[in-house]
Amino acid sequence: MKIISVVTGTYNEEDNIGEFCQRVNAVFEKLPGYRYEIIVIDNSSQDGTVGVLRRLASTDPRIKVILNARNFGPIR
């Protein structure tokens, strides 16, 4: 079975990241021939994004989280 990795970065996405994961899950429910994982790289968010990510990852083993020690934004 093929596996697809969906990778996204976050910065202060506390209100959005749960919805993003739900939408990705909904897409893959329609693709039974694939396994998938969601890899979220947090760019040192200052809101509650990290807590939300930890909760999501603890309930769904397909969600992987990488937490940057500081902001590695595209301008830096």
PDB file of N, CA and C in Angstrom:
ATOM      1  N   MET A   1       0.840  -1.178   0.000  1.00  0.00           N
ATOM      2  CA  MET A   1       0.000   0.000   0.000  1.00  0.00           C
ATOM      3  C   MET A   1       0.889   1.247   0.000  1.00  0.00           C
ATOM      4  N   LYS A   2       0.531   2.217  -0.788  1.00  0.00           N
ATOM      5  CA  LYS A   2       1.291   3.456  -0.882  1.00  0.00           C
ATOM      6  C   LYS A   2       1.014   4.336   0.331  1.00  0.00           C
ATOM      7  N   ILE A   3       2.031   5.104   0.720  1.00  0.00           N
ATOM      8  CA  ILE A   3       1.856   6.057   1.819  1.00  0.00           C
ATOM      9  C   ILE A   3       2.167   7.463   1.312  1.00  0.00           C
ATOM     10  N   ILE A   4       1.348   8.397   1.722  1.00  0.00           N
ATOM     11  CA  ILE A   4       1.527   9.803   1.360  1.00  0.00           C
ATOM     12  C   ILE A   4       1.768  10.591   2.643  1.00  0.00           C
ATOM     13  N   SER A   5       2.773  11.454   2.612  1.00  0.00           N
ATOM     14  CA  SER A   5       3.049  12.345   3.737  1.00  0.00           C
ATOM     15  C   SER A   5       2.579  13.739   3.363  1.00  0.00           C
ATOM     16  N   VAL A   6       1.677  14.271   4.158  1.00  0.00           N
ATOM     17  CA  VAL A   6       1.199  15.641   3.985  1.00  0.00           C
ATOM     18  C   VAL A   6       1.971  16.475   5.005  1.00  0.00           C
ATOM     19  N   VAL A   7       2.743  17.444   4.520  1.00  0.00           N
ATOM     20  CA  VAL A   7       3.611  18.237   5.392  1.00  0.00           C
ATOM     21  C   VAL A   7       3.152  19.684   5.361  1.00  0.00           C
ATOM     22  N   THR A   8       3.044  20.278   6.546  1.00  0.00           N
ATOM     23  CA  THR A   8       2.671  21.688   6.625  1.00  0.00           C
ATOM     24  C   THR A   8       3.410  22.351   7.776  1.00  0.00           C
ATOM     25  N   GLY A   9       3.635  23.623   7.634  1.00  0.00           N
ATOM     26  CA  GLY A   9       4.210  24.423   8.705  1.00  0.00           C
ATOM     27  C   GLY A   9       3.108  25.195   9.411  1.00  0.00           C
ATOM     28  N   THR A  10       3.349  25.525  10.666  1.00  0.00           N
ATOM     29  CA  THR A  10       2.384  26.336  11.406  1.00  0.00           C
ATOM     30  C   THR A  10       3.106  27.420  12.188  1.00  0.00           C
ATOM     31  N   TYR A  11       2.405  28.507  12.377  1.00  0.00           N
ATOM     32  CA  TYR A  11       2.834  29.568  13.284  1.00  0.00           C
ATOM     33  C   TYR A  11       1.571  30.260  13.765  1.00  0.00           C
ATOM     34  N   ASN A  12       1.273  30.089  15.027  1.00  0.00           N
ATOM     35  CA  ASN A  12       0.074  30.671  15.647  1.00  0.00           C
ATOM     36  C   ASN A  12      -1.199  30.255  14.902  1.00  0.00           C
ATOM     37  N   GLU A  13      -1.393  28.958  14.758  1.00  0.00           N
ATOM     38  CA  GLU A  13      -2.552  28.411  14.050  1.00  0.00           C
ATOM     39  C   GLU A  13      -3.483  27.646  14.984  1.00  0.00           C
ATOM     40  N   GLU A  14      -3.535  28.068  16.227  1.00  0.00           N
ATOM     41  CA  GLU A  14      -4.352  27.397  17.241  1.00  0.00           C
ATOM     42  C   GLU A  14      -5.791  27.187  16.774  1.00  0.00           C
ATOM     43  N   ASP A  15      -6.363  28.164  16.119  1.00  0.00           N
ATOM     44  CA  ASP A  15      -7.767  28.083  15.717  1.00  0.00           C
ATOM     45  C   ASP A  15      -7.976  27.314  14.419  1.00  0.00           C
ATOM     46  N   ASN A  16      -6.906  26.998  13.697  1.00  0.00           N
ATOM     47  CA  ASN A  16      -7.044  26.413  12.362  1.00  0.00           C
ATOM     48  C   ASN A  16      -6.524  24.994  12.206  1.00  0.00           C
ATOM     49  N   ILE A  17      -5.558  24.577  12.998  1.00  0.00           N
ATOM     50  CA  ILE A  17      -4.866  23.329  12.719  1.00  0.00           C
ATOM     51  C   ILE A  17      -5.773  22.106  12.902  1.00  0.00           C
ATOM     52  N   GLY A  18      -6.705  22.159  13.821  1.00  0.00           N
ATOM     53  CA  GLY A  18      -7.645  21.046  13.988  1.00  0.00           C
ATOM     54  C   GLY A  18      -8.512  20.856  12.755  1.00  0.00           C
ATOM     55  N   GLU A  19      -9.001  21.941  12.218  1.00  0.00           N
ATOM     56  CA  GLU A  19      -9.807  21.898  10.994  1.00  0.00           C
ATOM     57  C   GLU A  19      -8.981  21.368   9.816  1.00  0.00           C
ATOM     58  N   PHE A  20      -7.740  21.798   9.718  1.00  0.00           N
ATOM     59  CA  PHE A  20      -6.861  21.312   8.654  1.00  0.00           C
ATOM     60  C   PHE A  20      -6.736  19.788   8.724  1.00  0.00           C
ATOM     61  N   CYS A  21      -6.463  19.265   9.904  1.00  0.00           N
ATOM     62  CA  CYS A  21      -6.301  17.813  10.053  1.00  0.00           C
ATOM     63  C   CYS A  21      -7.600  17.080   9.725  1.00  0.00           C
ATOM     64  N   GLN A  22      -8.728  17.622  10.135  1.00  0.00           N
ATOM     65  CA  GLN A  22     -10.020  17.004   9.811  1.00  0.00           C
ATOM     66  C   GLN A  22     -10.240  16.962   8.303  1.00  0.00           C
ATOM     67  N   ARG A  23      -9.897  18.016   7.621  1.00  0.00           N
ATOM     68  CA  ARG A  23     -10.089  18.056   6.161  1.00  0.00           C
ATOM     69  C   ARG A  23      -9.167  17.082   5.436  1.00  0.00           C
ATOM     70  N   VAL A  24      -7.933  16.970   5.905  1.00  0.00           N
ATOM     71  CA  VAL A  24      -7.024  15.994   5.302  1.00  0.00           C
ATOM     72  C   VAL A  24      -7.574  14.587   5.524  1.00  0.00           C
ATOM     73  N   ASN A  25      -8.025  14.299   6.740  1.00  0.00           N
ATOM     74  CA  ASN A  25      -8.615  12.992   7.027  1.00  0.00           C
ATOM     75  C   ASN A  25      -9.795  12.710   6.113  1.00  0.00           C
ATOM     76  N   ALA A  26     -10.641  13.698   5.879  1.00  0.00           N
ATOM     77  CA  ALA A  26     -11.820  13.522   5.024  1.00  0.00           C
ATOM     78  C   ALA A  26     -11.423  13.183   3.589  1.00  0.00           C
ATOM     79  N   VAL A  27     -10.379  13.801   3.089  1.00  0.00           N
ATOM     80  CA  VAL A  27      -9.916  13.511   1.726  1.00  0.00           C
ATOM     81  C   VAL A  27      -9.448  12.062   1.633  1.00  0.00           C
ATOM     82  N   PHE A  28      -8.658  11.624   2.612  1.00  0.00           N
ATOM     83  CA  PHE A  28      -8.099  10.280   2.536  1.00  0.00           C
ATOM     84  C   PHE A  28      -9.108   9.185   2.841  1.00  0.00           C
ATOM     85  N   GLU A  29     -10.206   9.516   3.482  1.00  0.00           N
ATOM     86  CA  GLU A  29     -11.276   8.530   3.659  1.00  0.00           C
ATOM     87  C   GLU A  29     -11.821   8.076   2.308  1.00  0.00           C
ATOM     88  N   LYS A  30     -11.716   8.930   1.309  1.00  0.00           N
ATOM     89  CA  LYS A  30     -12.197   8.623  -0.039  1.00  0.00           C
ATOM     90  C   LYS A  30     -11.138   7.916  -0.884  1.00  0.00           C
ATOM     91  N   LEU A  31      -9.948   7.707  -0.338  1.00  0.00           N
ATOM     92  CA  LEU A  31      -8.847   7.078  -1.059  1.00  0.00           C
ATOM     93  C   LEU A  31      -8.369   5.833  -0.305  1.00  0.00           C
ATOM     94  N   PRO A  32      -9.128   4.761  -0.335  1.00  0.00           N
ATOM     95  CA  PRO A  32      -8.791   3.596   0.488  1.00  0.00           C
ATOM     96  C   PRO A  32      -7.494   2.888   0.087  1.00  0.00           C
ATOM     97  N   GLY A  33      -6.972   3.164  -1.072  1.00  0.00           N
ATOM     98  CA  GLY A  33      -5.739   2.525  -1.520  1.00  0.00           C
ATOM     99  C   GLY A  33      -4.469   3.165  -0.985  1.00  0.00           C
ATOM    100  N   TYR A  34      -4.609   4.154  -0.118  1.00  0.00           N
ATOM    101  CA  TYR A  34      -3.453   4.884   0.389  1.00  0.00           C
ATOM    102  C   TYR A  34      -3.446   4.931   1.909  1.00  0.00           C
ATOM    103  N   ARG A  35      -2.261   4.853   2.446  1.00  0.00           N
ATOM    104  CA  ARG A  35      -2.050   5.199   3.844  1.00  0.00           C
ATOM    105  C   ARG A  35      -1.478   6.610   3.848  1.00  0.00           C
ATOM    106  N   TYR A  36      -1.603   7.303   4.954  1.00  0.00           N
ATOM    107  CA  TYR A  36      -1.086   8.670   4.994  1.00  0.00           C
ATOM    108  C   TYR A  36      -0.666   9.051   6.393  1.00  0.00           C
ATOM    109  N   GLU A  37       0.124  10.098   6.441  1.00  0.00           N
ATOM    110  CA  GLU A  37       0.504  10.722   7.701  1.00  0.00           C
ATOM    111  C   GLU A  37       0.471  12.230   7.492  1.00  0.00           C
ATOM    112  N   ILE A  38       0.242  12.939   8.568  1.00  0.00           N
ATOM    113  CA  ILE A  38       0.248  14.395   8.539  1.00  0.00           C
ATOM    114  C   ILE A  38       1.427  14.836   9.408  1.00  0.00           C
ATOM    115  N   ILE A  39       2.374  15.513   8.803  1.00  0.00           N
ATOM    116  CA  ILE A  39       3.548  15.999   9.525  1.00  0.00           C
ATOM    117  C   ILE A  39       3.401  17.509   9.661  1.00  0.00           C
ATOM    118  N   VAL A  40       3.320  17.960  10.901  1.00  0.00           N
ATOM    119  CA  VAL A  40       3.137  19.385  11.176  1.00  0.00           C
ATOM    120  C   VAL A  40       4.409  19.912  11.840  1.00  0.00           C
ATOM    121  N   ILE A  41       4.985  20.941  11.244  1.00  0.00           N
ATOM    122  CA  ILE A  41       6.195  21.550  11.783  1.00  0.00           C
ATOM    123  C   ILE A  41       5.807  22.912  12.357  1.00  0.00           C
ATOM    124  N   ASP A  42       5.864  23.023  13.674  1.00  0.00           N
ATOM    125  CA  ASP A  42       5.496  24.288  14.308  1.00  0.00           C
ATOM    126  C   ASP A  42       6.712  25.184  14.413  1.00  0.00           C
ATOM    127  N   ASN A  43       6.524  26.437  14.013  1.00  0.00           N
ATOM    128  CA  ASN A  43       7.614  27.403  13.941  1.00  0.00           C
ATOM    129  C   ASN A  43       7.656  28.292  15.186  1.00  0.00           C
ATOM    130  N   SER A  44       7.646  27.646  16.357  1.00  0.00           N
ATOM    131  CA  SER A  44       7.734  28.346  17.645  1.00  0.00           C
ATOM    132  C   SER A  44       6.542  29.284  17.873  1.00  0.00           C
ATOM    133  N   SER A  45       5.342  28.726  17.727  1.00  0.00           N
ATOM    134  CA  SER A  45       4.114  29.508  17.919  1.00  0.00           C
ATOM    135  C   SER A  45       4.055  30.118  19.310  1.00  0.00           C
ATOM    136  N   GLN A  46       3.427  31.276  19.400  1.00  0.00           N
ATOM    137  CA  GLN A  46       3.289  31.988  20.663  1.00  0.00           C
ATOM    138  C   GLN A  46       1.900  31.822  21.275  1.00  0.00           C
ATOM    139  N   ASP A  47       0.986  31.157  20.577  1.00  0.00           N
ATOM    140  CA  ASP A  47      -0.362  30.932  21.101  1.00  0.00           C
ATOM    141  C   ASP A  47      -0.466  29.476  21.579  1.00  0.00           C
ATOM    142  N   GLY A  48      -1.620  28.894  21.546  1.00  0.00           N
ATOM    143  CA  GLY A  48      -1.835  27.534  22.032  1.00  0.00           C
ATOM    144  C   GLY A  48      -1.689  26.455  20.976  1.00  0.00           C
ATOM    145  N   THR A  49      -1.039  26.766  19.872  1.00  0.00           N
ATOM    146  CA  THR A  49      -0.894  25.797  18.781  1.00  0.00           C
ATOM    147  C   THR A  49      -0.215  24.512  19.247  1.00  0.00           C
ATOM    148  N   VAL A  50       0.834  24.622  20.023  1.00  0.00           N
ATOM    149  CA  VAL A  50       1.582  23.438  20.457  1.00  0.00           C
ATOM    150  C   VAL A  50       0.684  22.516  21.280  1.00  0.00           C
ATOM    151  N   GLY A  51      -0.108  23.062  22.166  1.00  0.00           N
ATOM    152  CA  GLY A  51      -1.024  22.243  22.956  1.00  0.00           C
ATOM    153  C   GLY A  51      -2.034  21.521  22.092  1.00  0.00           C
ATOM    154  N   VAL A  52      -2.570  22.220  21.107  1.00  0.00           N
ATOM    155  CA  VAL A  52      -3.528  21.607  20.188  1.00  0.00           C
ATOM    156  C   VAL A  52      -2.845  20.491  19.406  1.00  0.00           C
ATOM    157  N   LEU A  53      -1.643  20.741  18.913  1.00  0.00           N
ATOM    158  CA  LEU A  53      -0.914  19.721  18.158  1.00  0.00           C
ATOM    159  C   LEU A  53      -0.630  18.487  19.011  1.00  0.00           C
ATOM    160  N   ARG A  54      -0.234  18.695  20.239  1.00  0.00           N
ATOM    161  CA  ARG A  54       0.037  17.555  21.129  1.00  0.00           C
ATOM    162  C   ARG A  54      -1.226  16.744  21.374  1.00  0.00           C
ATOM    163  N   ARG A  55      -2.334  17.414  21.553  1.00  0.00           N
ATOM    164  CA  ARG A  55      -3.608  16.713  21.759  1.00  0.00           C
ATOM    165  C   ARG A  55      -3.984  15.911  20.519  1.00  0.00           C
ATOM    166  N   LEU A  56      -3.876  16.538  19.346  1.00  0.00           N
ATOM    167  CA  LEU A  56      -4.213  15.849  18.102  1.00  0.00           C
ATOM    168  C   LEU A  56      -3.317  14.635  17.888  1.00  0.00           C
ATOM    169  N   ALA A  57      -2.017  14.793  18.120  1.00  0.00           N
ATOM    170  CA  ALA A  57      -1.073  13.691  17.917  1.00  0.00           C
ATOM    171  C   ALA A  57      -1.305  12.555  18.908  1.00  0.00           C
ATOM    172  N   SER A  58      -1.772  12.895  20.106  1.00  0.00           N
ATOM    173  CA  SER A  58      -2.012  11.845  21.106  1.00  0.00           C
ATOM    174  C   SER A  58      -3.240  11.007  20.780  1.00  0.00           C
ATOM    175  N   THR A  59      -4.143  11.551  19.964  1.00  0.00           N
ATOM    176  CA  THR A  59      -5.361  10.816  19.624  1.00  0.00           C
ATOM    177  C   THR A  59      -5.334  10.216  18.223  1.00  0.00           C
ATOM    178  N   ASP A  60      -4.375  10.616  17.397  1.00  0.00           N
ATOM    179  CA  ASP A  60      -4.303  10.118  16.027  1.00  0.00           C
ATOM    180  C   ASP A  60      -2.844   9.802  15.687  1.00  0.00           C
ATOM    181  N   PRO A  61      -2.478   8.531  15.604  1.00  0.00           N
ATOM    182  CA  PRO A  61      -1.077   8.171  15.352  1.00  0.00           C
ATOM    183  C   PRO A  61      -0.565   8.577  13.972  1.00  0.00           C
ATOM    184  N   ARG A  62      -1.455   9.006  13.092  1.00  0.00           N
ATOM    185  CA  ARG A  62      -1.013   9.467  11.761  1.00  0.00           C
ATOM    186  C   ARG A  62      -0.487  10.891  11.812  1.00  0.00           C
ATOM    187  N   ILE A  63      -0.727  11.604  12.906  1.00  0.00           N
ATOM    188  CA  ILE A  63      -0.272  12.988  13.038  1.00  0.00           C
ATOM    189  C   ILE A  63       1.068  13.007  13.761  1.00  0.00           C
ATOM    190  N   LYS A  64       2.066  13.538  13.084  1.00  0.00           N
ATOM    191  CA  LYS A  64       3.416  13.677  13.639  1.00  0.00           C
ATOM    192  C   LYS A  64       3.700  15.168  13.804  1.00  0.00           C
ATOM    193  N   VAL A  65       4.388  15.512  14.879  1.00  0.00           N
ATOM    194  CA  VAL A  65       4.629  16.925  15.179  1.00  0.00           C
ATOM    195  C   VAL A  65       6.123  17.159  15.378  1.00  0.00           C
ATOM    196  N   ILE A  66       6.626  18.192  14.728  1.00  0.00           N
ATOM    197  CA  ILE A  66       7.999  18.658  14.933  1.00  0.00           C
ATOM    198  C   ILE A  66       7.896  20.071  15.499  1.00  0.00           C
ATOM    199  N   LEU A  67       8.534  20.301  16.637  1.00  0.00           N
ATOM    200  CA  LEU A  67       8.485  21.616  17.284  1.00  0.00           C
ATOM    201  C   LEU A  67       9.850  22.292  17.161  1.00  0.00           C
ATOM    202  N   ASN A  68       9.895  23.374  16.417  1.00  0.00           N
ATOM    203  CA  ASN A  68      11.137  24.141  16.295  1.00  0.00           C
ATOM    204  C   ASN A  68      11.406  24.893  17.593  1.00  0.00           C
ATOM    205  N   ALA A  69      12.674  24.974  17.973  1.00  0.00           N
ATOM    206  CA  ALA A  69      13.071  25.661  19.197  1.00  0.00           C
ATOM    207  C   ALA A  69      12.929  27.175  19.079  1.00  0.00           C
ATOM    208  N   ARG A  70      12.970  27.673  17.849  1.00  0.00           N
ATOM    209  CA  ARG A  70      12.776  29.100  17.619  1.00  0.00           C
ATOM    210  C   ARG A  70      12.130  29.272  16.244  1.00  0.00           C
ATOM    211  N   ASN A  71      11.791  30.488  15.912  1.00  0.00           N
ATOM    212  CA  ASN A  71      11.109  30.763  14.644  1.00  0.00           C
ATOM    213  C   ASN A  71      12.122  30.758  13.503  1.00  0.00           C
ATOM    214  N   PHE A  72      11.934  29.835  12.586  1.00  0.00           N
ATOM    215  CA  PHE A  72      12.783  29.750  11.400  1.00  0.00           C
ATOM    216  C   PHE A  72      11.988  30.203  10.179  1.00  0.00           C
ATOM    217  N   GLY A  73      11.312  31.335  10.297  1.00  0.00           N
ATOM    218  CA  GLY A  73      10.462  31.841   9.243  1.00  0.00           C
ATOM    219  C   GLY A  73      11.202  32.082   7.938  1.00  0.00           C
ATOM    220  N   PRO A  74      10.460  32.262   6.849  1.00  0.00           N
ATOM    221  CA  PRO A  74      11.078  32.412   5.525  1.00  0.00           C
ATOM    222  C   PRO A  74      11.914  33.682   5.378  1.00  0.00           C
ATOM    223  N   ILE A  75      11.684  34.662   6.225  1.00  0.00           N
ATOM    224  CA  ILE A  75      12.433  35.919   6.117  1.00  0.00           C
ATOM    225  C   ILE A  75      13.736  35.847   6.900  1.00  0.00           C
ATOM    226  N   ARG A  76      13.818  34.941   7.851  1.00  0.00           N
ATOM    227  CA  ARG A  76      15.009  34.843   8.707  1.00  0.00           C
ATOM    228  C   ARG A  76      16.151  34.171   8.000  1.00  0.00           C
TER     229      ARG A  76
END
